[in-house]
Structures are given as structure tokens and as C-alpha cells.
């Protein structure tokens, strides 16, 4: 008997597991099987599954007020914006529902800046091969991945792609009359968990400054403490003009934001941008509670300690399996193993045979982005599972 046809748009290919409950770094499927979650909804569940502090904030707000729209002032927006600007380069914040909306806001801010300076012809925004900025139309054009833009009509003008880490390839794309800005992930996620070298980010900053262009950091995946600092770019000492955040800032509740200096946002005046649901009371209640946890004294110190342990453990995997593992990538608790075998297959074996959830990324990378609260025992369990799966390939080859 054939299964009934699904009414869901077939753009995903999920495995058979249906998860129904989570607690901390653990998640259970409908059969009652428990899994160790080392991908956290793609770097979203920063505080783990169903953290009590976020449950409390959400439940209390749910009993009061859900939605008013931004026709009215929303309690919690100014409070959270004050926290974001207190701990970053930014002066102003706009709240969104997602990362791709935050990216759209960044792109509009950059172009509007030049328009406000009576240079509307300056529209070129340089991105990078292997980048990912979301699935909306401007976002896929900014990234330029052929598989994401193909079939959706003409490419949008003013979006160019250079080579990640190659400053000369960036300079080659600069037209001083049309150059508006640069967009980059300090640590690429989908592109293979590649960290941008501090020297490269400094060179991008200098290039923007030289031409009066703006620098956008996409911290949707790398922000919210994921790398051991609140924002990944802090490791480099380089500050952007505009920044997109999402994923971990909501701890599992859908929310995002873009942040900017007041000068960069000079063109974003009344009526030029908006959102119906962004910054709603539920999101602000959870967002404030999540940020208070992420910025609490000692929290990021612990993330750094556990991240160092995880990084060393992954280096050990590489040393034990030199014929299968090329290198360890990433920063903090956003890590990847570049493999010589199909990471999708390894991901499936980890999930189905060892009850460990991992992700995959471009460039043949097995990706890990566990909750920031993961402990050493859980990391050991994940490493044992990875070792077992990789050893099975060796055994099979020698069979």
C-alpha cells in the first residue's frame, strides 16, 4: 500500500525521525528514542531545548499580549536594543522574524546610505563564493550560489562575488563609482565552516574605509556566543557598519535583527522599511531572557572552555583517521570536519546507529553546532560515535 501523497511543498528531504520533545542537549523522537543533539536546529537552540528560563518568559508573555504590530510601541524592544548596542559597535537596532529578513535590512541600509548621500548609483555589494545569507531574493543574489538562483529569473544587479580570503579578488571587483559595500560571514556556515582570517577582515575594513563603502557582517549563525564571544567578529578586532543576527539570539524562538551605526543608518528614516511581526511581544520577552543568559558573567568563559575541549577532541579524530579526515574547521562551537568521504552518509550513520545528530555543509564538511550548554561527557559521547562511524569505513575497506 502506497503512502498518501504529502501536501507539503517537497523542498526538504528529512529523515524518518519525528522529534516530539527536547531537554538540554537531548531530543526524543515519537518512538521514545533519545538523541544527542549536536546541531541545535542549525545553531539556533543556543541554551538547549526548552530551557526553563525561556519557557518562563514565553509563558508569562503568552498570558498577556501576543501582537500589536509596529503601529504601536512594543514593550521589550527598547530594552533589548539597549542591550545589543551596549555590547556592540551599533547605535540602532531593527527587529525581524528571521535571519534572511535581517540580511534584507542590511542590504537596504547600505544602498539607502549612499542614496542619502546623493550617490544612488552606488549599489554594488560584494559577497563571497561559498557564502549563505538566506533564501529571500536579494539574499540569494548576494550569495550568488548558482543552485539557489537558477530558475528564478534574471540576477539582480549590483551583487558581485569574490573569493573568500582573497583580498585581491575583492579589489578587482571594486568600481569606485558604484561600490556600495561588502557582505561577509566571519565564519561561513553553509559554505564549509570556514573562518575568515583576522587579516582578511581588517583588509576588507580598510578597503571600505578607503572608498566610503559600508561593511556588513552576517552573524546570523556565528553570533549569539557561538564562537565564544558574543559576536564572532570580536575575535578580529574589526567592527562592521551593519550586522545581521538571528538564530541563537532567540534561543529557538523565531526572531532576528539588524544593527547599525547611526551614520550607516542615516537613510533608514520613517516609512522606508517595516515589518508586521518583527519585534513582537513574544519575541521580545524571549529575546531579552535569552540575551540575559548569553551575557551573564561566566557564560562565555564556559563556552570557550568547552569549545577548546571540543576542538581538541576533533583534532584527535583527525589524527586517528588521517585517511578520512582532511582538517578541522571553524571556531568555538561552530565546527566542521572536512572529509574525504560523503558527509551526508556519515551524518546518517551517526543519527541512525549512534543517536547523534550532526549537520553537513559545503566543501564536503560534517558540521557541528551543539547547544552552548553541552558538557564534556556529551562531547565524549559524540566523539566516540564519530570514531565508530569512521572506523567502520576502514573496517569495510579492509574487509
Protein backbone atom coordinates (compact mmCIF):
# COMPACT_ATOMS: atom_id res chain seq x y z
CA UNK A 1 0.00 0.00 0.00
CA UNK A 2 1.47 3.33 -1.03
CA UNK A 3 1.77 6.18 1.44
CA UNK A 4 -0.65 9.06 0.94
CA UNK A 5 0.73 11.97 -1.03
CA UNK A 6 2.04 14.77 1.20
CA UNK A 7 0.57 18.23 0.91
CA UNK A 8 3.88 19.80 1.97
CA UNK A 9 5.94 21.52 -0.71
CA UNK A 10 8.72 18.98 -1.42
CA UNK A 11 11.70 21.28 -0.90
CA UNK A 12 13.11 19.31 2.06
CA UNK A 13 14.32 15.72 2.38
CA UNK A 14 14.15 14.96 6.11
CA UNK A 15 14.97 11.55 7.60
CA UNK A 16 12.24 9.38 9.10
CA UNK A 17 12.59 10.60 12.70
CA UNK A 18 9.85 12.86 14.05
CA UNK A 19 11.03 14.65 17.18
CA UNK A 20 8.48 15.48 19.84
CA UNK A 21 10.36 16.57 22.97
CA UNK A 22 13.67 18.10 23.95
CA UNK A 23 15.56 18.91 27.14
CA UNK A 24 19.01 20.48 27.23
CA UNK A 25 21.18 18.76 24.63
CA UNK A 26 18.83 15.78 24.33
CA UNK A 27 15.91 15.30 21.96
CA UNK A 28 13.39 12.43 21.75
CA UNK A 29 11.53 11.10 18.75
CA UNK A 30 7.94 9.85 18.73
CA UNK A 31 9.17 6.28 19.34
CA UNK A 32 10.83 7.36 22.59
CA UNK A 33 14.41 7.08 21.31
CA UNK A 34 16.80 9.70 22.76
CA UNK A 35 19.37 11.52 20.60
CA UNK A 36 22.31 13.76 21.44
CA UNK A 37 21.74 16.99 19.52
CA UNK A 38 24.99 18.37 18.10
CA UNK A 39 23.40 20.67 15.50
CA UNK A 40 20.81 22.51 17.66
CA UNK A 41 18.40 23.33 14.87
CA UNK A 42 21.36 24.71 12.86
CA UNK A 43 22.91 26.82 15.63
CA UNK A 44 19.54 28.02 16.94
CA UNK A 45 18.96 26.34 20.30
CA UNK A 46 21.87 28.11 21.99
CA UNK A 47 20.59 27.36 25.51
CA UNK A 48 19.44 23.85 24.65
CA UNK A 49 15.94 22.52 24.16
CA UNK A 50 13.11 24.01 26.22
CA UNK A 51 15.33 25.93 28.67
CA UNK A 52 13.29 26.80 31.78
CA UNK A 53 14.28 30.48 31.70
CA UNK A 54 12.91 30.89 28.18
CA UNK A 55 9.83 28.80 28.95
CA UNK A 56 9.07 31.13 31.83
CA UNK A 57 9.50 34.28 29.74
CA UNK A 58 7.37 32.92 26.90
CA UNK A 59 4.60 31.57 29.10
CA UNK A 60 4.32 34.76 31.12
CA UNK A 61 4.11 36.89 27.98
CA UNK A 62 1.69 34.48 26.27
CA UNK A 63 -0.78 35.14 29.04
CA UNK A 64 -0.60 38.91 28.50
CA UNK A 65 -0.22 40.06 24.89
CA UNK A 66 0.87 38.42 21.65
CA UNK A 67 0.70 41.00 18.89
CA UNK A 68 0.01 44.65 18.17
CA UNK A 69 2.22 45.35 15.11
CA UNK A 70 4.72 48.17 14.99
CA UNK A 71 1.90 50.69 14.68
CA UNK A 72 2.45 50.89 18.43
CA UNK A 73 5.42 50.87 20.77
CA UNK A 74 6.18 47.33 21.90
CA UNK A 75 7.36 46.62 25.40
CA UNK A 76 10.79 45.00 25.40
CA UNK A 77 12.07 46.39 22.10
CA UNK A 78 13.91 49.35 23.57
CA UNK A 79 15.22 47.21 26.44
CA UNK A 80 16.70 44.61 24.11
CA UNK A 81 18.02 47.24 21.69
CA UNK A 82 19.78 48.91 24.63
CA UNK A 83 21.46 45.59 25.48
CA UNK A 84 22.54 44.93 21.89
CA UNK A 85 24.01 48.40 21.45
CA UNK A 86 25.62 48.31 24.89
CA UNK A 87 27.59 45.24 23.86
CA UNK A 88 28.38 46.03 20.23
CA UNK A 89 29.51 48.67 17.73
CA UNK A 90 25.92 49.61 16.93
CA UNK A 91 23.74 52.62 17.76
CA UNK A 92 20.41 51.42 16.35
CA UNK A 93 18.53 48.13 16.00
CA UNK A 94 15.65 46.89 13.85
CA UNK A 95 13.95 43.64 14.88
CA UNK A 96 12.93 40.99 12.34
CA UNK A 97 11.43 37.50 12.33
CA UNK A 98 14.37 35.70 10.75
CA UNK A 99 17.92 35.86 9.52
CA UNK A 100 17.08 36.39 5.88
CA UNK A 101 14.90 39.38 6.81
CA UNK A 102 17.80 40.76 8.82
CA UNK A 103 20.02 40.39 5.74
CA UNK A 104 17.47 42.18 3.56
CA UNK A 105 17.51 45.04 6.06
CA UNK A 106 21.31 45.20 5.95
CA UNK A 107 21.38 45.32 2.15
CA UNK A 108 18.72 48.04 2.05
CA UNK A 109 20.54 50.04 4.73
CA UNK A 110 23.78 50.03 2.72
CA UNK A 111 22.16 51.15 -0.50
CA UNK A 112 19.97 53.71 1.26
CA UNK A 113 23.08 55.18 2.92
CA UNK A 114 24.56 56.07 -0.45
CA UNK A 115 21.24 57.34 -1.75
CA UNK A 116 21.00 59.62 1.29
CA UNK A 117 24.48 60.88 0.38
CA UNK A 118 23.21 61.79 -3.12
CA UNK A 119 25.01 58.82 -4.70
CA UNK A 120 22.14 56.47 -5.65
CA UNK A 121 24.30 54.89 -8.36
CA UNK A 122 26.40 53.22 -5.66
CA UNK A 123 24.63 49.85 -5.47
CA UNK A 124 27.41 47.24 -5.82
CA UNK A 125 27.62 44.91 -2.83
CA UNK A 126 30.46 42.40 -2.94
CA UNK A 127 29.90 38.99 -1.36
CA UNK A 128 31.86 35.76 -1.43
CA UNK A 129 31.81 32.37 -3.07
CA UNK A 130 30.52 29.75 -0.65
CA UNK A 131 28.51 32.25 1.35
CA UNK A 132 24.92 31.82 2.51
CA UNK A 133 22.71 34.72 3.54
CA UNK A 134 19.23 33.19 3.46
CA UNK A 135 16.64 32.28 0.85
CA UNK A 136 14.93 35.57 0.03
CA UNK A 137 15.59 37.03 -3.41
CA UNK A 138 18.17 39.65 -2.52
CA UNK A 139 19.87 37.22 -0.13
CA UNK A 140 20.39 34.52 -2.74
CA UNK A 141 21.70 37.12 -5.18
CA UNK A 142 24.11 38.45 -2.55
CA UNK A 143 25.50 34.93 -2.03
CA UNK A 144 25.41 34.05 -5.72
CA UNK A 145 25.24 30.27 -5.28
CA UNK A 146 24.15 29.04 -8.74
CA UNK A 147 21.97 26.26 -7.32
CA UNK A 148 19.96 28.81 -5.32
CA UNK A 149 19.50 31.47 -8.01
CA UNK A 150 18.95 29.23 -11.04
CA UNK A 151 15.42 29.30 -12.42
CA UNK A 152 14.31 32.43 -10.59
CA UNK A 153 14.72 34.84 -13.45
CA UNK A 154 17.39 37.45 -14.10
CA UNK A 155 20.04 38.04 -11.48
CA UNK A 156 19.57 41.23 -9.52
CA UNK A 157 22.00 43.98 -10.49
CA UNK A 158 24.71 45.15 -8.13
CA UNK A 159 25.62 41.83 -6.48
CA UNK A 160 29.14 40.54 -7.08
CA UNK A 161 31.12 37.64 -5.61
CA UNK A 162 34.82 37.48 -4.77
CA UNK A 163 36.88 34.58 -3.42
CA UNK A 164 36.71 34.04 0.34
CA UNK A 165 40.00 35.04 1.91
CA UNK A 166 41.44 36.63 -1.25
CA UNK A 167 41.63 40.41 -0.89
CA UNK A 168 42.95 40.90 -4.43
CA UNK A 169 39.82 39.25 -5.85
CA UNK A 170 37.76 41.77 -3.87
CA UNK A 171 39.76 44.75 -5.10
CA UNK A 172 39.34 43.54 -8.67
CA UNK A 173 35.56 43.96 -8.35
CA UNK A 174 35.64 47.48 -6.94
CA UNK A 175 34.32 50.21 -9.19
CA UNK A 176 34.76 53.43 -7.25
CA UNK A 177 31.67 54.94 -8.86
CA UNK A 178 29.30 52.10 -7.94
CA UNK A 179 30.92 50.35 -4.94
CA UNK A 180 28.46 50.37 -2.02
CA UNK A 181 29.65 47.74 0.43
CA UNK A 182 30.85 44.26 1.32
CA UNK A 183 28.92 41.45 2.99
CA UNK A 184 30.70 38.54 4.70
CA UNK A 185 30.17 35.87 7.34
CA UNK A 186 33.06 35.98 9.84
CA UNK A 187 32.67 32.21 9.90
CA UNK A 188 30.98 30.70 6.87
CA UNK A 189 28.39 28.12 7.86
CA UNK A 190 26.83 26.54 4.78
CA UNK A 191 29.99 27.18 2.77
CA UNK A 192 32.06 24.68 4.73
CA UNK A 193 32.53 26.14 8.22
CA UNK A 194 35.40 28.39 7.10
CA UNK A 195 36.69 31.08 9.44
CA UNK A 196 37.79 34.36 7.87
CA UNK A 197 41.32 35.27 8.93
CA UNK A 198 41.54 38.44 11.04
CA UNK A 199 43.94 39.92 8.50
CA UNK A 200 41.36 39.43 5.76
CA UNK A 201 38.61 41.13 7.76
CA UNK A 202 40.98 44.00 8.52
CA UNK A 203 41.76 44.35 4.83
CA UNK A 204 38.04 44.46 4.00
CA UNK A 205 37.52 47.14 6.63
CA UNK A 206 40.36 49.21 5.17
CA UNK A 207 39.02 48.81 1.64
CA UNK A 208 35.58 50.01 2.69
CA UNK A 209 37.07 52.95 4.55
CA UNK A 210 39.18 53.90 1.55
CA UNK A 211 36.14 54.11 -0.70
CA UNK A 212 33.50 55.33 1.73
CA UNK A 213 31.69 51.97 1.49
CA UNK A 214 29.98 50.04 4.29
CA UNK A 215 30.93 46.67 5.76
CA UNK A 216 28.20 44.16 6.62
CA UNK A 217 28.87 41.21 8.89
CA UNK A 218 26.39 38.34 8.62
CA UNK A 219 26.43 36.93 12.16
CA UNK A 220 23.17 35.01 11.82
CA UNK A 221 24.96 31.72 12.50
CA UNK A 222 28.22 32.82 14.10
CA UNK A 223 26.75 35.31 16.59
CA UNK A 224 25.00 34.94 19.96
CA UNK A 225 28.03 33.43 21.69
CA UNK A 226 28.50 30.64 19.16
CA UNK A 227 32.26 31.25 18.80
CA UNK A 228 32.95 32.11 22.42
CA UNK A 229 32.42 35.85 22.07
CA UNK A 230 29.01 37.43 21.74
CA UNK A 231 29.75 38.30 18.11
CA UNK A 232 32.35 36.35 16.13
CA UNK A 233 33.94 39.45 14.62
CA UNK A 234 35.13 40.50 18.08
CA UNK A 235 37.96 37.97 17.77
CA UNK A 236 39.42 40.01 14.90
CA UNK A 237 39.08 43.45 16.49
CA UNK A 238 37.29 44.60 13.32
CA UNK A 239 33.88 46.28 13.60
CA UNK A 240 31.29 46.45 10.82
CA UNK A 241 28.92 49.27 9.95
CA UNK A 242 25.91 46.96 9.76
CA UNK A 243 25.30 43.47 11.17
CA UNK A 244 22.62 40.78 10.80
CA UNK A 245 21.79 38.47 13.72
CA UNK A 246 19.19 35.74 14.27
CA UNK A 247 19.21 32.01 15.15
CA UNK A 248 20.76 31.85 18.65
CA UNK A 249 19.52 35.28 19.77
CA UNK A 250 16.03 33.81 20.15
CA UNK A 251 17.17 30.53 21.68
CA UNK A 252 14.69 28.64 19.48
CA UNK A 253 12.02 31.31 19.14
CA UNK A 254 11.96 32.82 15.62
CA UNK A 255 13.49 36.27 15.75
CA UNK A 256 16.34 38.29 14.31
CA UNK A 257 17.62 41.82 13.97
CA UNK A 258 19.93 44.07 12.05
CA UNK A 259 22.17 46.51 13.85
CA UNK A 260 23.94 49.59 12.50
CA UNK A 261 25.82 52.69 13.43
CA UNK A 262 23.69 55.80 13.36
CA UNK A 263 25.74 57.12 10.43
CA UNK A 264 25.30 53.92 8.38
CA UNK A 265 21.55 54.00 9.05
CA UNK A 266 21.14 57.67 8.09
CA UNK A 267 18.92 56.77 5.13
CA UNK A 268 16.60 54.48 7.10
CA UNK A 269 14.02 57.09 8.02
CA UNK A 270 10.31 56.93 8.71
CA UNK A 271 8.43 54.88 6.14
CA UNK A 272 11.34 53.31 4.21
CA UNK A 273 11.28 49.94 5.99
CA UNK A 274 8.93 47.96 8.20
CA UNK A 275 7.60 44.64 9.44
CA UNK A 276 4.29 43.35 10.78
CA UNK A 277 5.54 40.67 13.16
CA UNK A 278 9.16 41.66 13.79
CA UNK A 279 9.87 42.58 17.40
CA UNK A 280 6.51 41.29 18.61
CA UNK A 281 5.86 40.97 22.36
CA UNK A 282 6.51 37.21 22.44
CA UNK A 283 9.81 37.55 20.60
CA UNK A 284 10.95 40.41 22.81
CA UNK A 285 10.15 38.52 26.00
CA UNK A 286 12.17 35.51 24.85
CA UNK A 287 14.90 37.62 23.23
CA UNK A 288 15.53 39.60 26.41
CA UNK A 289 15.65 36.45 28.52
CA UNK A 290 17.96 34.71 26.05
CA UNK A 291 20.35 37.64 25.87
CA UNK A 292 20.47 37.95 29.64
CA UNK A 293 21.63 34.33 29.80
CA UNK A 294 24.16 34.67 26.98
CA UNK A 295 25.65 37.83 28.51
CA UNK A 296 25.63 36.60 32.11
CA UNK A 297 29.03 36.67 33.85
CA UNK A 298 30.97 33.49 33.17
CA UNK A 299 28.69 32.13 30.44
CA UNK A 300 31.01 32.81 27.52
CA UNK A 301 34.03 31.75 29.58
CA UNK A 302 32.43 28.34 29.89
CA UNK A 303 31.62 28.28 26.16
CA UNK A 304 35.29 28.95 25.40
CA UNK A 305 36.46 26.22 27.74
CA UNK A 306 34.10 23.60 26.34
CA UNK A 307 34.81 24.75 22.77
CA UNK A 308 38.55 24.27 23.29
CA UNK A 309 37.85 20.77 24.58
CA UNK A 310 35.66 20.02 21.56
CA UNK A 311 38.23 21.39 19.14
CA UNK A 312 40.98 19.28 20.64
CA UNK A 313 38.74 16.22 20.55
CA UNK A 314 38.01 16.78 16.85
CA UNK A 315 41.74 17.16 16.18
CA UNK A 316 42.12 13.78 17.84
CA UNK A 317 39.56 12.33 15.40
CA UNK A 318 41.60 13.75 12.52
CA UNK A 319 44.79 12.22 13.90
CA UNK A 320 43.16 8.81 14.31
CA UNK A 321 41.60 8.85 10.84
CA UNK A 322 44.07 10.64 8.55
CA UNK A 323 42.82 8.74 5.50
CA UNK A 324 39.26 10.01 6.00
CA UNK A 325 39.57 13.46 7.64
CA UNK A 326 41.27 16.34 5.84
CA UNK A 327 41.06 19.05 8.51
CA UNK A 328 39.15 20.51 11.45
CA UNK A 329 37.46 23.82 10.71
CA UNK A 330 35.55 26.59 12.42
CA UNK A 331 35.60 28.49 15.68
CA UNK A 332 34.16 27.93 19.14
CA UNK A 333 31.12 25.66 18.97
CA UNK A 334 30.67 26.12 15.22
CA UNK A 335 32.91 23.33 13.95
CA UNK A 336 33.38 21.15 10.92
CA UNK A 337 35.30 18.10 9.78
CA UNK A 338 36.28 18.25 6.12
CA UNK A 339 36.07 14.65 4.97
CA UNK A 340 37.33 12.58 2.05
CA UNK A 341 34.06 10.63 2.13
CA UNK A 342 30.44 11.74 1.80
CA UNK A 343 29.50 13.67 4.98
CA UNK A 344 25.80 13.07 4.29
CA UNK A 345 26.38 9.35 4.67
CA UNK A 346 28.36 9.86 7.88
CA UNK A 347 25.59 12.11 9.20
CA UNK A 348 23.04 9.35 8.55
CA UNK A 349 25.10 6.69 10.31
CA UNK A 350 25.64 8.95 13.33
CA UNK A 351 21.91 9.55 13.57
CA UNK A 352 20.56 6.08 12.83
CA UNK A 353 23.21 3.90 14.50
CA UNK A 354 24.56 6.08 17.31
CA UNK A 355 21.72 8.53 18.09
CA UNK A 356 23.89 11.59 17.49
CA UNK A 357 22.59 14.47 15.36
CA UNK A 358 25.02 16.43 13.19
CA UNK A 359 24.75 18.61 10.11
CA UNK A 360 26.51 18.91 6.79
CA UNK A 361 27.92 21.88 4.90
CA UNK A 362 29.54 22.62 1.58
CA UNK A 363 33.02 21.51 0.62
CA UNK A 364 32.40 18.01 1.96
CA UNK A 365 32.11 19.07 5.60
CA UNK A 366 30.40 17.38 8.52
CA UNK A 367 29.08 20.26 10.65
CA UNK A 368 28.57 20.60 14.41
CA UNK A 369 26.77 23.44 16.18
CA UNK A 370 25.61 21.99 19.50
CA UNK A 371 23.80 23.90 22.24
CA UNK A 372 26.26 26.16 24.04
CA UNK A 373 25.48 24.28 27.26
CA UNK A 374 26.92 20.97 26.02
CA UNK A 375 29.24 19.30 28.55
CA UNK A 376 32.41 17.20 28.32
CA UNK A 377 30.59 13.89 28.81
CA UNK A 378 28.25 14.68 25.92
CA UNK A 379 31.17 15.72 23.74
CA UNK A 380 32.90 12.42 24.56
CA UNK A 381 29.76 10.56 23.51
CA UNK A 382 29.70 12.44 20.20
CA UNK A 383 33.41 11.83 19.59
CA UNK A 384 33.04 8.12 20.34
CA UNK A 385 30.21 7.94 17.82
CA UNK A 386 32.24 9.76 15.14
CA UNK A 387 35.18 7.45 15.78
CA UNK A 388 32.95 4.41 15.49
CA UNK A 389 31.44 5.53 12.18
CA UNK A 390 34.80 6.40 10.64
CA UNK A 391 36.32 3.14 11.90
CA UNK A 392 33.51 1.24 10.16
CA UNK A 393 34.69 2.69 6.84
CA UNK A 394 38.24 1.47 7.48
CA UNK A 395 36.96 -1.97 8.50
CA UNK A 396 34.78 -2.12 5.41
CA UNK A 397 37.68 -1.10 3.17
CA UNK A 398 39.90 -3.78 4.69
CA UNK A 399 37.10 -6.31 4.66
